[in-house]
Amino acid sequence: MLFASPAVLGYGAVVWVFTASFVRWREEPVLLRRFGDDYAEYRRAVPAWVPRLRPWHPRSGE
């Protein structure tokens, strides 16, 4: 859209899909094994790919 080129938009979509897939199926399981319940709590509190308006603090109920 910025460069008025469907090729650039397609490239961006492919890169995003690759990155999101890598994070979901490779990085998240590794972090879950490494940090266990702390990471599981973090994942429940912080939505993936959506920025929070306020910082998350562990075990504060926020």
PDB file of N, CA and C in Angstrom:
ATOM      1  N   MET A   1       0.827  -1.180   0.000  1.00  0.00           N
ATOM      2  CA  MET A   1       0.000   0.000   0.000  1.00  0.00           C
ATOM      3  C   MET A   1       0.877   1.252   0.000  1.00  0.00           C
ATOM      4  N   LEU A   2       1.909   1.255   0.815  1.00  0.00           N
ATOM      5  CA  LEU A   2       2.775   2.421   0.909  1.00  0.00           C
ATOM      6  C   LEU A   2       3.521   2.660  -0.407  1.00  0.00           C
ATOM      7  N   PHE A   3       3.939   1.581  -1.042  1.00  0.00           N
ATOM      8  CA  PHE A   3       4.704   1.700  -2.280  1.00  0.00           C
ATOM      9  C   PHE A   3       3.854   1.416  -3.518  1.00  0.00           C
ATOM     10  N   ALA A   4       2.559   1.249  -3.326  1.00  0.00           N
ATOM     11  CA  ALA A   4       1.638   0.957  -4.429  1.00  0.00           C
ATOM     12  C   ALA A   4       2.093  -0.258  -5.227  1.00  0.00           C
ATOM     13  N   SER A   5       2.533  -1.269  -4.515  1.00  0.00           N
ATOM     14  CA  SER A   5       3.030  -2.470  -5.177  1.00  0.00           C
ATOM     15  C   SER A   5       2.459  -3.712  -4.499  1.00  0.00           C
ATOM     16  N   PRO A   6       1.665  -4.478  -5.226  1.00  0.00           N
ATOM     17  CA  PRO A   6       1.148  -5.722  -4.647  1.00  0.00           C
ATOM     18  C   PRO A   6       2.270  -6.705  -4.270  1.00  0.00           C
ATOM     19  N   ALA A   7       3.382  -6.638  -4.975  1.00  0.00           N
ATOM     20  CA  ALA A   7       4.500  -7.544  -4.677  1.00  0.00           C
ATOM     21  C   ALA A   7       5.062  -7.262  -3.284  1.00  0.00           C
ATOM     22  N   VAL A   8       5.193  -5.995  -2.923  1.00  0.00           N
ATOM     23  CA  VAL A   8       5.713  -5.636  -1.601  1.00  0.00           C
ATOM     24  C   VAL A   8       4.721  -6.071  -0.522  1.00  0.00           C
ATOM     25  N   LEU A   9       3.437  -5.882  -0.760  1.00  0.00           N
ATOM     26  CA  LEU A   9       2.416  -6.318   0.179  1.00  0.00           C
ATOM     27  C   LEU A   9       2.450  -7.837   0.347  1.00  0.00           C
ATOM     28  N   GLY A  10       2.587  -8.554  -0.755  1.00  0.00           N
ATOM     29  CA  GLY A  10       2.684 -10.019  -0.695  1.00  0.00           C
ATOM     30  C   GLY A  10       3.924 -10.475   0.054  1.00  0.00           C
ATOM     31  N   TYR A  11       5.043  -9.822  -0.199  1.00  0.00           N
ATOM     32  CA  TYR A  11       6.280 -10.153   0.497  1.00  0.00           C
ATOM     33  C   TYR A  11       6.113  -9.943   2.002  1.00  0.00           C
ATOM     34  N   GLY A  12       5.511  -8.832   2.377  1.00  0.00           N
ATOM     35  CA  GLY A  12       5.275  -8.565   3.799  1.00  0.00           C
ATOM     36  C   GLY A  12       4.385  -9.620   4.435  1.00  0.00           C
ATOM     37  N   ALA A  13       3.368 -10.059   3.720  1.00  0.00           N
ATOM     38  CA  ALA A  13       2.470 -11.097   4.238  1.00  0.00           C
ATOM     39  C   ALA A  13       3.212 -12.416   4.431  1.00  0.00           C
ATOM     40  N   VAL A  14       4.047 -12.772   3.479  1.00  0.00           N
ATOM     41  CA  VAL A  14       4.822 -14.022   3.586  1.00  0.00           C
ATOM     42  C   VAL A  14       5.782 -13.956   4.766  1.00  0.00           C
ATOM     43  N   VAL A  15       6.449 -12.842   4.945  1.00  0.00           N
ATOM     44  CA  VAL A  15       7.377 -12.678   6.066  1.00  0.00           C
ATOM     45  C   VAL A  15       6.627 -12.760   7.389  1.00  0.00           C
ATOM     46  N   TRP A  16       5.465 -12.106   7.471  1.00  0.00           N
ATOM     47  CA  TRP A  16       4.673 -12.145   8.703  1.00  0.00           C
ATOM     48  C   TRP A  16       4.225 -13.569   9.024  1.00  0.00           C
ATOM     49  N   VAL A  17       3.738 -14.309   8.029  1.00  0.00           N
ATOM     50  CA  VAL A  17       3.295 -15.696   8.253  1.00  0.00           C
ATOM     51  C   VAL A  17       4.470 -16.552   8.726  1.00  0.00           C
ATOM     52  N   PHE A  18       5.626 -16.413   8.111  1.00  0.00           N
ATOM     53  CA  PHE A  18       6.799 -17.182   8.513  1.00  0.00           C
ATOM     54  C   PHE A  18       7.189 -16.858   9.958  1.00  0.00           C
ATOM     55  N   THR A  19       7.235 -15.573  10.284  1.00  0.00           N
ATOM     56  CA  THR A  19       7.631 -15.157  11.631  1.00  0.00           C
ATOM     57  C   THR A  19       6.628 -15.637  12.674  1.00  0.00           C
ATOM     58  N   ALA A  20       5.346 -15.443  12.411  1.00  0.00           N
ATOM     59  CA  ALA A  20       4.308 -15.868  13.353  1.00  0.00           C
ATOM     60  C   ALA A  20       4.332 -17.383  13.548  1.00  0.00           C
ATOM     61  N   SER A  21       4.544 -18.131  12.474  1.00  0.00           N
ATOM     62  CA  SER A  21       4.613 -19.594  12.571  1.00  0.00           C
ATOM     63  C   SER A  21       5.812 -20.034  13.392  1.00  0.00           C
ATOM     64  N   PHE A  22       6.955 -19.420  13.155  1.00  0.00           N
ATOM     65  CA  PHE A  22       8.154 -19.764  13.905  1.00  0.00           C
ATOM     66  C   PHE A  22       7.946 -19.524  15.400  1.00  0.00           C
ATOM     67  N   VAL A  23       7.396 -18.363  15.733  1.00  0.00           N
ATOM     68  CA  VAL A  23       7.175 -18.031  17.139  1.00  0.00           C
ATOM     69  C   VAL A  23       6.211 -19.029  17.772  1.00  0.00           C
ATOM     70  N   ARG A  24       5.121 -19.318  17.088  1.00  0.00           N
ATOM     71  CA  ARG A  24       4.083 -20.184  17.662  1.00  0.00           C
ATOM     72  C   ARG A  24       4.561 -21.626  17.847  1.00  0.00           C
ATOM     73  N   TRP A  25       5.184 -22.200  16.822  1.00  0.00           N
ATOM     74  CA  TRP A  25       5.502 -23.632  16.876  1.00  0.00           C
ATOM     75  C   TRP A  25       6.929 -23.968  17.264  1.00  0.00           C
ATOM     76  N   ARG A  26       7.797 -23.002  17.358  1.00  0.00           N
ATOM     77  CA  ARG A  26       9.168 -23.284  17.791  1.00  0.00           C
ATOM     78  C   ARG A  26       9.513 -22.552  19.087  1.00  0.00           C
ATOM     79  N   GLU A  27       9.348 -21.248  19.083  1.00  0.00           N
ATOM     80  CA  GLU A  27       9.819 -20.461  20.207  1.00  0.00           C
ATOM     81  C   GLU A  27       8.955 -20.632  21.456  1.00  0.00           C
ATOM     82  N   GLU A  28       7.629 -20.627  21.298  1.00  0.00           N
ATOM     83  CA  GLU A  28       6.767 -20.757  22.476  1.00  0.00           C
ATOM     84  C   GLU A  28       6.962 -22.080  23.217  1.00  0.00           C
ATOM     85  N   PRO A  29       7.030 -23.235  22.545  1.00  0.00           N
ATOM     86  CA  PRO A  29       7.284 -24.479  23.283  1.00  0.00           C
ATOM     87  C   PRO A  29       8.642 -24.490  23.993  1.00  0.00           C
ATOM     88  N   VAL A  30       9.656 -23.897  23.379  1.00  0.00           N
ATOM     89  CA  VAL A  30      10.974 -23.836  24.012  1.00  0.00           C
ATOM     90  C   VAL A  30      10.903 -22.993  25.286  1.00  0.00           C
ATOM     91  N   LEU A  31      10.230 -21.849  25.204  1.00  0.00           N
ATOM     92  CA  LEU A  31      10.101 -20.989  26.378  1.00  0.00           C
ATOM     93  C   LEU A  31       9.266 -21.658  27.464  1.00  0.00           C
ATOM     94  N   LEU A  32       8.241 -22.390  27.077  1.00  0.00           N
ATOM     95  CA  LEU A  32       7.420 -23.094  28.056  1.00  0.00           C
ATOM     96  C   LEU A  32       8.229 -24.167  28.786  1.00  0.00           C
ATOM     97  N   ARG A  33       9.059 -24.909  28.049  1.00  0.00           N
ATOM     98  CA  ARG A  33       9.917 -25.914  28.705  1.00  0.00           C
ATOM     99  C   ARG A  33      10.948 -25.249  29.612  1.00  0.00           C
ATOM    100  N   ARG A  34      11.485 -24.135  29.181  1.00  0.00           N
ATOM    101  CA  ARG A  34      12.540 -23.477  29.941  1.00  0.00           C
ATOM    102  C   ARG A  34      12.014 -22.774  31.203  1.00  0.00           C
ATOM    103  N   PHE A  35      10.879 -22.099  31.096  1.00  0.00           N
ATOM    104  CA  PHE A  35      10.389 -21.294  32.207  1.00  0.00           C
ATOM    105  C   PHE A  35       9.131 -21.841  32.871  1.00  0.00           C
ATOM    106  N   GLY A  36       8.524 -22.859  32.312  1.00  0.00           N
ATOM    107  CA  GLY A  36       7.410 -23.563  32.941  1.00  0.00           C
ATOM    108  C   GLY A  36       6.198 -22.701  33.246  1.00  0.00           C
ATOM    109  N   ASP A  37       5.745 -22.792  34.493  1.00  0.00           N
ATOM    110  CA  ASP A  37       4.520 -22.114  34.906  1.00  0.00           C
ATOM    111  C   ASP A  37       4.614 -20.592  34.789  1.00  0.00           C
ATOM    112  N   ASP A  38       5.793 -20.036  34.990  1.00  0.00           N
ATOM    113  CA  ASP A  38       5.945 -18.578  34.865  1.00  0.00           C
ATOM    114  C   ASP A  38       5.623 -18.120  33.444  1.00  0.00           C
ATOM    115  N   TYR A  39       6.107 -18.874  32.459  1.00  0.00           N
ATOM    116  CA  TYR A  39       5.819 -18.500  31.072  1.00  0.00           C
ATOM    117  C   TYR A  39       4.351 -18.747  30.731  1.00  0.00           C
ATOM    118  N   ALA A  40       3.780 -19.814  31.254  1.00  0.00           N
ATOM    119  CA  ALA A  40       2.361 -20.092  31.012  1.00  0.00           C
ATOM    120  C   ALA A  40       1.497 -18.958  31.577  1.00  0.00           C
ATOM    121  N   GLU A  41       1.834 -18.469  32.756  1.00  0.00           N
ATOM    122  CA  GLU A  41       1.111 -17.343  33.352  1.00  0.00           C
ATOM    123  C   GLU A  41       1.265 -16.091  32.480  1.00  0.00           C
ATOM    124  N   TYR A  42       2.458 -15.855  31.991  1.00  0.00           N
ATOM    125  CA  TYR A  42       2.717 -14.712  31.121  1.00  0.00           C
ATOM    126  C   TYR A  42       1.885 -14.807  29.842  1.00  0.00           C
ATOM    127  N   ARG A  43       1.850 -15.988  29.231  1.00  0.00           N
ATOM    128  CA  ARG A  43       1.068 -16.168  28.002  1.00  0.00           C
ATOM    129  C   ARG A  43      -0.411 -15.919  28.222  1.00  0.00           C
ATOM    130  N   ARG A  44      -0.927 -16.318  29.382  1.00  0.00           N
ATOM    131  CA  ARG A  44      -2.345 -16.069  29.673  1.00  0.00           C
ATOM    132  C   ARG A  44      -2.620 -14.576  29.846  1.00  0.00           C
ATOM    133  N   ALA A  45      -1.662 -13.845  30.396  1.00  0.00           N
ATOM    134  CA  ALA A  45      -1.872 -12.432  30.713  1.00  0.00           C
ATOM    135  C   ALA A  45      -1.574 -11.494  29.545  1.00  0.00           C
ATOM    136  N   VAL A  46      -0.696 -11.897  28.647  1.00  0.00           N
ATOM    137  CA  VAL A  46      -0.263 -11.011  27.568  1.00  0.00           C
ATOM    138  C   VAL A  46      -0.655 -11.632  26.231  1.00  0.00           C
ATOM    139  N   PRO A  47      -1.575 -10.990  25.513  1.00  0.00           N
ATOM    140  CA  PRO A  47      -2.013 -11.542  24.228  1.00  0.00           C
ATOM    141  C   PRO A  47      -0.898 -11.472  23.173  1.00  0.00           C
ATOM    142  N   ALA A  48      -0.830 -12.482  22.346  1.00  0.00           N
ATOM    143  CA  ALA A  48       0.193 -12.514  21.298  1.00  0.00           C
ATOM    144  C   ALA A  48      -0.109 -11.470  20.232  1.00  0.00           C
ATOM    145  N   TRP A  49       0.902 -10.747  19.798  1.00  0.00           N
ATOM    146  CA  TRP A  49       0.849  -9.804  18.699  1.00  0.00           C
ATOM    147  C   TRP A  49      -0.021  -8.575  18.965  1.00  0.00           C
ATOM    148  N   VAL A  50      -0.527  -8.431  20.175  1.00  0.00           N
ATOM    149  CA  VAL A  50      -1.361  -7.271  20.488  1.00  0.00           C
ATOM    150  C   VAL A  50      -0.691  -6.504  21.622  1.00  0.00           C
ATOM    151  N   PRO A  51      -0.290  -5.276  21.378  1.00  0.00           N
ATOM    152  CA  PRO A  51       0.368  -4.520  22.449  1.00  0.00           C
ATOM    153  C   PRO A  51      -0.596  -4.189  23.583  1.00  0.00           C
ATOM    154  N   ARG A  52      -0.077  -4.173  24.792  1.00  0.00           N
ATOM    155  CA  ARG A  52      -0.878  -3.795  25.964  1.00  0.00           C
ATOM    156  C   ARG A  52      -0.728  -2.309  26.217  1.00  0.00           C
ATOM    157  N   LEU A  53      -1.757  -1.705  26.792  1.00  0.00           N
ATOM    158  CA  LEU A  53      -1.690  -0.288  27.122  1.00  0.00           C
ATOM    159  C   LEU A  53      -0.938  -0.053  28.423  1.00  0.00           C
ATOM    160  N   ARG A  54      -0.971  -1.059  29.309  1.00  0.00           N
ATOM    161  CA  ARG A  54      -0.251  -0.969  30.581  1.00  0.00           C
ATOM    162  C   ARG A  54       0.705  -2.149  30.691  1.00  0.00           C
ATOM    163  N   PRO A  55       1.847  -1.967  31.332  1.00  0.00           N
ATOM    164  CA  PRO A  55       2.788  -3.080  31.475  1.00  0.00           C
ATOM    165  C   PRO A  55       2.206  -4.185  32.339  1.00  0.00           C
ATOM    166  N   TRP A  56       2.644  -5.408  32.066  1.00  0.00           N
ATOM    167  CA  TRP A  56       2.217  -6.569  32.834  1.00  0.00           C
ATOM    168  C   TRP A  56       3.206  -6.801  33.959  1.00  0.00           C
ATOM    169  N   HIS A  57       2.686  -7.051  35.160  1.00  0.00           N
ATOM    170  CA  HIS A  57       3.527  -7.361  36.307  1.00  0.00           C
ATOM    171  C   HIS A  57       3.108  -8.738  36.826  1.00  0.00           C
ATOM    172  N   PRO A  58       4.045  -9.654  36.966  1.00  0.00           N
ATOM    173  CA  PRO A  58       3.705 -11.007  37.399  1.00  0.00           C
ATOM    174  C   PRO A  58       3.003 -11.018  38.756  1.00  0.00           C
ATOM    175  N   ARG A  59       2.001 -11.872  38.833  1.00  0.00           N
ATOM    176  CA  ARG A  59       1.262 -12.143  40.062  1.00  0.00           C
ATOM    177  C   ARG A  59       0.619 -10.911  40.695  1.00  0.00           C
ATOM    178  N   SER A  60       0.391  -9.863  39.904  1.00  0.00           N
ATOM    179  CA  SER A  60      -0.281  -8.687  40.444  1.00  0.00           C
ATOM    180  C   SER A  60      -1.763  -8.697  40.113  1.00  0.00           C
ATOM    181  N   GLY A  61      -2.165  -9.675  39.281  1.00  0.00           N
ATOM    182  CA  GLY A  61      -3.550  -9.767  38.883  1.00  0.00           C
ATOM    183  C   GLY A  61      -3.947  -8.757  37.822  1.00  0.00           C
ATOM    184  N   GLU A  62      -2.990  -8.093  37.248  1.00  0.00           N
ATOM    185  CA  GLU A  62      -3.259  -7.063  36.251  1.00  0.00           C
ATOM    186  C   GLU A  62      -3.239  -7.609  34.862  1.00  0.00           C
TER     187      GLU A  62
END
